[in-house]
Amino acid sequence: MEVSPPDPGTQSPPVLPLELFRLEEAVDFCRSSSLWPLTFGLACCAIEMIGLGASRFDIERYGYGVFRASPRQADLMIVAGTVSRKMAPCIKTLYDQMAAPKYVVAYGGCAIAGGPFKFPGQYGILEGIDKIIPVNVYIPGCPPRPEALLAGLLKLRDLIRQGKADGRMSPAAIKDFSNRQNPVYKDAISRDAFRNAAA
């Protein structure tokens, strides 16, 4: 008895696993599950960030527990604390040295907008880290609890997986005119231009 081959019109083509998602989605999924934060703290919010690394919160289960001491090995900067204008060039240098794609979390009221140090006539505090580097997630509070930082990191994870988080270098300039004084730094596009503008 001779068996006829199956009709090609009734058979669906085999589905390969690689056809179920794009390569970028797989890379973003892996990247969002292995963020390496920079060991970096500026003021009191850094204590709460250190608390997040304790065993009570166990951020290692998300892949975020590898705090790196070198910016060249980190891809996440958590700006935790008050940013003074003297510290701004150093933060810009650290950000420039981080591995790309890189992400920034502004943690606390001081990092977001100057906190309690934002008042007319002040000249020493930068009113928001987003004036010199791009920020992906803002976490308000004074200081925010470690749980808030964990929620912010999970929000960043979702943004990366959806492809909505810019992890690239983008120019940023200090535009701080709330106190009606001339800004100390202007058009800080590169590290060298930023340092020359500060001089």
C-alpha atoms as a PDB file:
ATOM      1  CA  MET A   1       0.000   0.000   0.000  1.00  0.00           C
ATOM      2  CA  GLU A   2       1.430   3.348  -1.041  1.00  0.00           C
ATOM      3  CA  VAL A   3       1.196   6.299   1.391  1.00  0.00           C
ATOM      4  CA  SER A   4       0.652   9.682  -0.193  1.00  0.00           C
ATOM      5  CA  PRO A   5       2.589  12.664   1.167  1.00  0.00           C
ATOM      6  CA  PRO A   6       0.589  15.096   3.325  1.00  0.00           C
ATOM      7  CA  ASP A   7      -1.097  17.986   1.617  1.00  0.00           C
ATOM      8  CA  PRO A   8       1.074  21.090   2.131  1.00  0.00           C
ATOM      9  CA  GLY A   9      -2.031  23.243   2.492  1.00  0.00           C
ATOM     10  CA  THR A  10      -3.195  21.444   5.651  1.00  0.00           C
ATOM     11  CA  GLN A  11       0.082  21.474   7.555  1.00  0.00           C
ATOM     12  CA  SER A  12       1.275  24.559   9.413  1.00  0.00           C
ATOM     13  CA  PRO A  13       4.983  25.366   9.223  1.00  0.00           C
ATOM     14  CA  PRO A  14       6.988  24.501  12.329  1.00  0.00           C
ATOM     15  CA  VAL A  15       7.410  27.350  14.797  1.00  0.00           C
ATOM     16  CA  LEU A  16      10.979  27.912  15.909  1.00  0.00           C
ATOM     17  CA  PRO A  17      11.677  29.401  19.355  1.00  0.00           C
ATOM     18  CA  LEU A  18      13.677  32.209  17.770  1.00  0.00           C
ATOM     19  CA  GLU A  19      10.596  33.388  15.918  1.00  0.00           C
ATOM     20  CA  LEU A  20       8.746  34.099  19.148  1.00  0.00           C
ATOM     21  CA  PHE A  21      10.768  37.169  20.113  1.00  0.00           C
ATOM     22  CA  ARG A  22      13.236  39.633  18.688  1.00  0.00           C
ATOM     23  CA  LEU A  23      16.900  39.474  19.617  1.00  0.00           C
ATOM     24  CA  GLU A  24      16.679  42.950  21.150  1.00  0.00           C
ATOM     25  CA  GLU A  25      13.951  41.744  23.519  1.00  0.00           C
ATOM     26  CA  ALA A  26      16.117  38.856  24.702  1.00  0.00           C
ATOM     27  CA  VAL A  27      19.099  41.158  25.219  1.00  0.00           C
ATOM     28  CA  ASP A  28      16.959  43.690  27.118  1.00  0.00           C
ATOM     29  CA  PHE A  29      15.577  40.894  29.308  1.00  0.00           C
ATOM     30  CA  CYS A  30      19.088  39.699  30.179  1.00  0.00           C
ATOM     31  CA  ARG A  31      20.326  43.245  30.703  1.00  0.00           C
ATOM     32  CA  SER A  32      17.444  44.141  33.017  1.00  0.00           C
ATOM     33  CA  SER A  33      18.177  41.122  35.206  1.00  0.00           C
ATOM     34  CA  SER A  34      21.863  41.862  35.764  1.00  0.00           C
ATOM     35  CA  LEU A  35      22.309  45.540  36.558  1.00  0.00           C
ATOM     36  CA  TRP A  36      25.591  46.345  38.315  1.00  0.00           C
ATOM     37  CA  PRO A  37      25.248  49.486  40.460  1.00  0.00           C
ATOM     38  CA  LEU A  38      28.174  51.782  41.105  1.00  0.00           C
ATOM     39  CA  THR A  39      29.370  51.969  44.712  1.00  0.00           C
ATOM     40  CA  PHE A  40      28.541  55.622  45.002  1.00  0.00           C
ATOM     41  CA  GLY A  41      26.842  57.707  47.665  1.00  0.00           C
ATOM     42  CA  LEU A  42      26.785  61.414  48.445  1.00  0.00           C
ATOM     43  CA  ALA A  43      24.820  62.029  51.649  1.00  0.00           C
ATOM     44  CA  CYS A  44      22.180  60.592  53.975  1.00  0.00           C
ATOM     45  CA  CYS A  45      20.245  58.778  51.223  1.00  0.00           C
ATOM     46  CA  ALA A  46      23.319  56.621  50.696  1.00  0.00           C
ATOM     47  CA  ILE A  47      22.671  55.010  54.108  1.00  0.00           C
ATOM     48  CA  GLU A  48      19.267  53.860  52.867  1.00  0.00           C
ATOM     49  CA  MET A  49      20.896  52.554  49.686  1.00  0.00           C
ATOM     50  CA  ILE A  50      23.377  50.612  51.809  1.00  0.00           C
ATOM     51  CA  GLY A  51      20.432  49.228  53.776  1.00  0.00           C
ATOM     52  CA  LEU A  52      18.985  47.846  50.545  1.00  0.00           C
ATOM     53  CA  GLY A  53      22.093  45.672  50.180  1.00  0.00           C
ATOM     54  CA  ALA A  54      21.379  43.955  53.503  1.00  0.00           C
ATOM     55  CA  SER A  55      20.039  40.427  53.717  1.00  0.00           C
ATOM     56  CA  ARG A  56      16.578  41.659  54.729  1.00  0.00           C
ATOM     57  CA  PHE A  57      15.820  42.872  51.191  1.00  0.00           C
ATOM     58  CA  ASP A  58      17.978  40.378  49.235  1.00  0.00           C
ATOM     59  CA  ILE A  59      18.347  42.345  46.003  1.00  0.00           C
ATOM     60  CA  GLU A  60      20.601  39.588  44.711  1.00  0.00           C
ATOM     61  CA  ARG A  61      17.498  37.622  43.724  1.00  0.00           C
ATOM     62  CA  TYR A  62      16.920  40.298  41.061  1.00  0.00           C
ATOM     63  CA  GLY A  63      20.558  40.358  39.959  1.00  0.00           C
ATOM     64  CA  TYR A  64      21.321  43.826  41.388  1.00  0.00           C
ATOM     65  CA  GLY A  65      23.580  42.909  44.291  1.00  0.00           C
ATOM     66  CA  VAL A  66      26.920  43.233  42.518  1.00  0.00           C
ATOM     67  CA  PHE A  67      27.966  46.748  43.555  1.00  0.00           C
ATOM     68  CA  ARG A  68      31.092  47.633  41.615  1.00  0.00           C
ATOM     69  CA  ALA A  69      33.847  49.934  42.870  1.00  0.00           C
ATOM     70  CA  SER A  70      34.934  50.895  39.355  1.00  0.00           C
ATOM     71  CA  PRO A  71      32.680  52.884  37.001  1.00  0.00           C
ATOM     72  CA  ARG A  72      34.099  50.909  34.085  1.00  0.00           C
ATOM     73  CA  GLN A  73      32.434  47.764  35.458  1.00  0.00           C
ATOM     74  CA  ALA A  74      29.105  49.373  36.415  1.00  0.00           C
ATOM     75  CA  ASP A  75      26.074  50.203  34.297  1.00  0.00           C
ATOM     76  CA  LEU A  76      23.755  51.724  36.939  1.00  0.00           C
ATOM     77  CA  MET A  77      24.378  54.921  38.902  1.00  0.00           C
ATOM     78  CA  ILE A  78      22.169  55.541  41.921  1.00  0.00           C
ATOM     79  CA  VAL A  79      22.611  59.219  42.789  1.00  0.00           C
ATOM     80  CA  ALA A  80      21.827  59.123  46.508  1.00  0.00           C
ATOM     81  CA  GLY A  81      22.220  62.409  48.313  1.00  0.00           C
ATOM     82  CA  THR A  82      22.868  66.113  47.940  1.00  0.00           C
ATOM     83  CA  VAL A  83      24.777  67.115  44.811  1.00  0.00           C
ATOM     84  CA  SER A  84      27.000  70.115  45.396  1.00  0.00           C
ATOM     85  CA  ARG A  85      28.321  72.151  42.493  1.00  0.00           C
ATOM     86  CA  LYS A  86      31.861  71.155  43.440  1.00  0.00           C
ATOM     87  CA  MET A  87      30.876  67.490  43.149  1.00  0.00           C
ATOM     88  CA  ALA A  88      29.069  67.885  39.815  1.00  0.00           C
ATOM     89  CA  PRO A  89      32.202  67.540  37.599  1.00  0.00           C
ATOM     90  CA  CYS A  90      33.190  64.362  39.470  1.00  0.00           C
ATOM     91  CA  ILE A  91      29.736  62.837  38.964  1.00  0.00           C
ATOM     92  CA  LYS A  92      29.882  63.740  35.285  1.00  0.00           C
ATOM     93  CA  THR A  93      33.299  62.060  35.017  1.00  0.00           C
ATOM     94  CA  LEU A  94      32.037  58.888  36.698  1.00  0.00           C
ATOM     95  CA  TYR A  95      29.013  58.798  34.399  1.00  0.00           C
ATOM     96  CA  ASP A  96      31.191  59.205  31.310  1.00  0.00           C
ATOM     97  CA  GLN A  97      33.400  56.305  32.418  1.00  0.00           C
ATOM     98  CA  MET A  98      30.526  53.871  32.983  1.00  0.00           C
ATOM     99  CA  ALA A  99      29.916  51.036  30.570  1.00  0.00           C
ATOM    100  CA  ALA A 100      27.181  51.583  28.003  1.00  0.00           C
ATOM    101  CA  PRO A 101      24.277  51.121  28.024  1.00  0.00           C
ATOM    102  CA  LYS A 102      24.072  52.898  31.365  1.00  0.00           C
ATOM    103  CA  TYR A 103      21.178  53.949  33.546  1.00  0.00           C
ATOM    104  CA  VAL A 104      20.692  56.545  36.291  1.00  0.00           C
ATOM    105  CA  VAL A 105      18.346  56.569  39.271  1.00  0.00           C
ATOM    106  CA  ALA A 106      17.818  59.850  41.158  1.00  0.00           C
ATOM    107  CA  TYR A 107      17.257  58.733  44.746  1.00  0.00           C
ATOM    108  CA  GLY A 108      15.843  61.254  47.186  1.00  0.00           C
ATOM    109  CA  GLY A 109      14.629  64.830  47.092  1.00  0.00           C
ATOM    110  CA  CYS A 110      18.122  66.339  46.968  1.00  0.00           C
ATOM    111  CA  ALA A 111      19.141  64.349  43.899  1.00  0.00           C
ATOM    112  CA  ILE A 112      15.834  65.116  42.184  1.00  0.00           C
ATOM    113  CA  ALA A 113      15.493  68.862  42.815  1.00  0.00           C
ATOM    114  CA  GLY A 114      17.835  70.065  45.572  1.00  0.00           C
ATOM    115  CA  GLY A 115      15.674  69.015  48.519  1.00  0.00           C
ATOM    116  CA  PRO A 116      15.614  71.364  51.516  1.00  0.00           C
ATOM    117  CA  PHE A 117      18.605  73.239  50.080  1.00  0.00           C
ATOM    118  CA  LYS A 118      16.528  74.723  47.248  1.00  0.00           C
ATOM    119  CA  PHE A 119      15.794  78.316  48.162  1.00  0.00           C
ATOM    120  CA  PRO A 120      16.320  81.691  46.489  1.00  0.00           C
ATOM    121  CA  GLY A 121      19.916  82.846  46.615  1.00  0.00           C
ATOM    122  CA  GLN A 122      21.602  79.506  47.283  1.00  0.00           C
ATOM    123  CA  TYR A 123      24.688  78.944  45.182  1.00  0.00           C
ATOM    124  CA  GLY A 124      26.325  75.722  46.341  1.00  0.00           C
ATOM    125  CA  ILE A 125      23.793  72.958  45.587  1.00  0.00           C
ATOM    126  CA  LEU A 126      22.827  71.602  42.175  1.00  0.00           C
ATOM    127  CA  GLU A 127      19.033  71.579  41.934  1.00  0.00           C
ATOM    128  CA  GLY A 128      18.621  68.199  40.284  1.00  0.00           C
ATOM    129  CA  ILE A 129      21.107  65.706  38.890  1.00  0.00           C
ATOM    130  CA  ASP A 130      19.185  65.679  35.600  1.00  0.00           C
ATOM    131  CA  LYS A 131      20.786  69.033  34.814  1.00  0.00           C
ATOM    132  CA  ILE A 132      24.086  67.285  34.013  1.00  0.00           C
ATOM    133  CA  ILE A 133      23.241  63.629  33.277  1.00  0.00           C
ATOM    134  CA  PRO A 134      20.074  61.947  31.961  1.00  0.00           C
ATOM    135  CA  VAL A 135      17.890  60.219  34.570  1.00  0.00           C
ATOM    136  CA  ASN A 136      15.709  57.162  33.971  1.00  0.00           C
ATOM    137  CA  VAL A 137      13.839  56.804  37.297  1.00  0.00           C
ATOM    138  CA  TYR A 138      13.072  59.342  40.035  1.00  0.00           C
ATOM    139  CA  ILE A 139      12.465  58.143  43.616  1.00  0.00           C
ATOM    140  CA  PRO A 140      11.134  60.954  45.861  1.00  0.00           C
ATOM    141  CA  GLY A 141      11.494  61.150  49.613  1.00  0.00           C
ATOM    142  CA  CYS A 142      13.731  62.547  52.337  1.00  0.00           C
ATOM    143  CA  PRO A 143      15.156  59.993  52.701  1.00  0.00           C
ATOM    144  CA  PRO A 144      13.228  57.292  50.848  1.00  0.00           C
ATOM    145  CA  ARG A 145      13.108  53.870  52.468  1.00  0.00           C
ATOM    146  CA  PRO A 146      15.071  50.971  50.968  1.00  0.00           C
ATOM    147  CA  GLU A 147      11.748  49.513  49.820  1.00  0.00           C
ATOM    148  CA  ALA A 148      11.219  52.611  47.673  1.00  0.00           C
ATOM    149  CA  LEU A 149      14.601  52.120  46.033  1.00  0.00           C
ATOM    150  CA  LEU A 150      13.767  48.488  45.379  1.00  0.00           C
ATOM    151  CA  ALA A 151      10.480  49.552  43.772  1.00  0.00           C
ATOM    152  CA  GLY A 152      12.388  52.070  41.649  1.00  0.00           C
ATOM    153  CA  LEU A 153      14.849  49.418  40.496  1.00  0.00           C
ATOM    154  CA  LEU A 154      11.977  47.137  39.546  1.00  0.00           C
ATOM    155  CA  LYS A 155      10.429  50.017  37.599  1.00  0.00           C
ATOM    156  CA  LEU A 156      13.746  50.490  35.792  1.00  0.00           C
ATOM    157  CA  ARG A 157      13.784  46.764  35.060  1.00  0.00           C
ATOM    158  CA  ASP A 158      10.341  47.029  33.443  1.00  0.00           C
ATOM    159  CA  LEU A 159      11.407  50.060  31.398  1.00  0.00           C
ATOM    160  CA  ILE A 160      14.479  48.243  30.102  1.00  0.00           C
ATOM    161  CA  ARG A 161      12.454  45.167  29.158  1.00  0.00           C
ATOM    162  CA  GLN A 162       9.961  47.332  27.289  1.00  0.00           C
ATOM    163  CA  GLY A 163      12.762  49.156  25.481  1.00  0.00           C
ATOM    164  CA  LYS A 164      11.721  52.509  26.988  1.00  0.00           C
ATOM    165  CA  ALA A 165      14.865  53.249  29.018  1.00  0.00           C
ATOM    166  CA  ASP A 166      17.555  55.232  27.264  1.00  0.00           C
ATOM    167  CA  GLY A 167      20.869  53.754  28.268  1.00  0.00           C
ATOM    168  CA  ARG A 168      22.971  55.954  26.045  1.00  0.00           C
ATOM    169  CA  MET A 169      25.084  59.019  26.530  1.00  0.00           C
ATOM    170  CA  SER A 170      23.107  62.157  25.865  1.00  0.00           C
ATOM    171  CA  PRO A 171      24.173  65.771  26.231  1.00  0.00           C
ATOM    172  CA  ALA A 172      22.933  67.567  29.305  1.00  0.00           C
ATOM    173  CA  ALA A 173      23.533  71.105  30.458  1.00  0.00           C
ATOM    174  CA  ILE A 174      22.989  72.836  33.760  1.00  0.00           C
ATOM    175  CA  LYS A 175      20.006  75.168  33.444  1.00  0.00           C
ATOM    176  CA  ASP A 176      19.572  76.412  36.962  1.00  0.00           C
ATOM    177  CA  PHE A 177      17.958  79.841  36.823  1.00  0.00           C
ATOM    178  CA  SER A 178      15.671  79.584  39.832  1.00  0.00           C
ATOM    179  CA  ASN A 179      17.931  81.871  41.887  1.00  0.00           C
ATOM    180  CA  ARG A 180      18.368  84.374  39.012  1.00  0.00           C
ATOM    181  CA  GLN A 181      22.155  83.967  39.072  1.00  0.00           C
ATOM    182  CA  ASN A 182      24.339  83.070  36.156  1.00  0.00           C
ATOM    183  CA  PRO A 183      24.886  79.306  36.046  1.00  0.00           C
ATOM    184  CA  VAL A 184      28.376  78.203  36.939  1.00  0.00           C
ATOM    185  CA  TYR A 185      28.515  75.584  34.208  1.00  0.00           C
ATOM    186  CA  LYS A 186      27.049  75.839  30.712  1.00  0.00           C
ATOM    187  CA  ASP A 187      26.634  73.326  27.899  1.00  0.00           C
ATOM    188  CA  ALA A 188      28.305  70.389  29.654  1.00  0.00           C
ATOM    189  CA  ILE A 189      28.238  68.019  26.689  1.00  0.00           C
ATOM    190  CA  SER A 190      31.545  66.238  27.208  1.00  0.00           C
ATOM    191  CA  ARG A 191      33.743  65.825  30.259  1.00  0.00           C
ATOM    192  CA  ASP A 192      36.419  68.144  28.869  1.00  0.00           C
ATOM    193  CA  ALA A 193      33.888  70.781  27.890  1.00  0.00           C
ATOM    194  CA  PHE A 194      32.309  70.451  31.324  1.00  0.00           C
ATOM    195  CA  ARG A 195      35.649  70.966  33.092  1.00  0.00           C
ATOM    196  CA  ASN A 196      36.631  73.864  30.864  1.00  0.00           C
ATOM    197  CA  ALA A 197      33.293  75.553  31.469  1.00  0.00           C
ATOM    198  CA  ALA A 198      33.735  75.197  35.226  1.00  0.00           C
ATOM    199  CA  ALA A 199      37.171  76.842  35.152  1.00  0.00           C
END
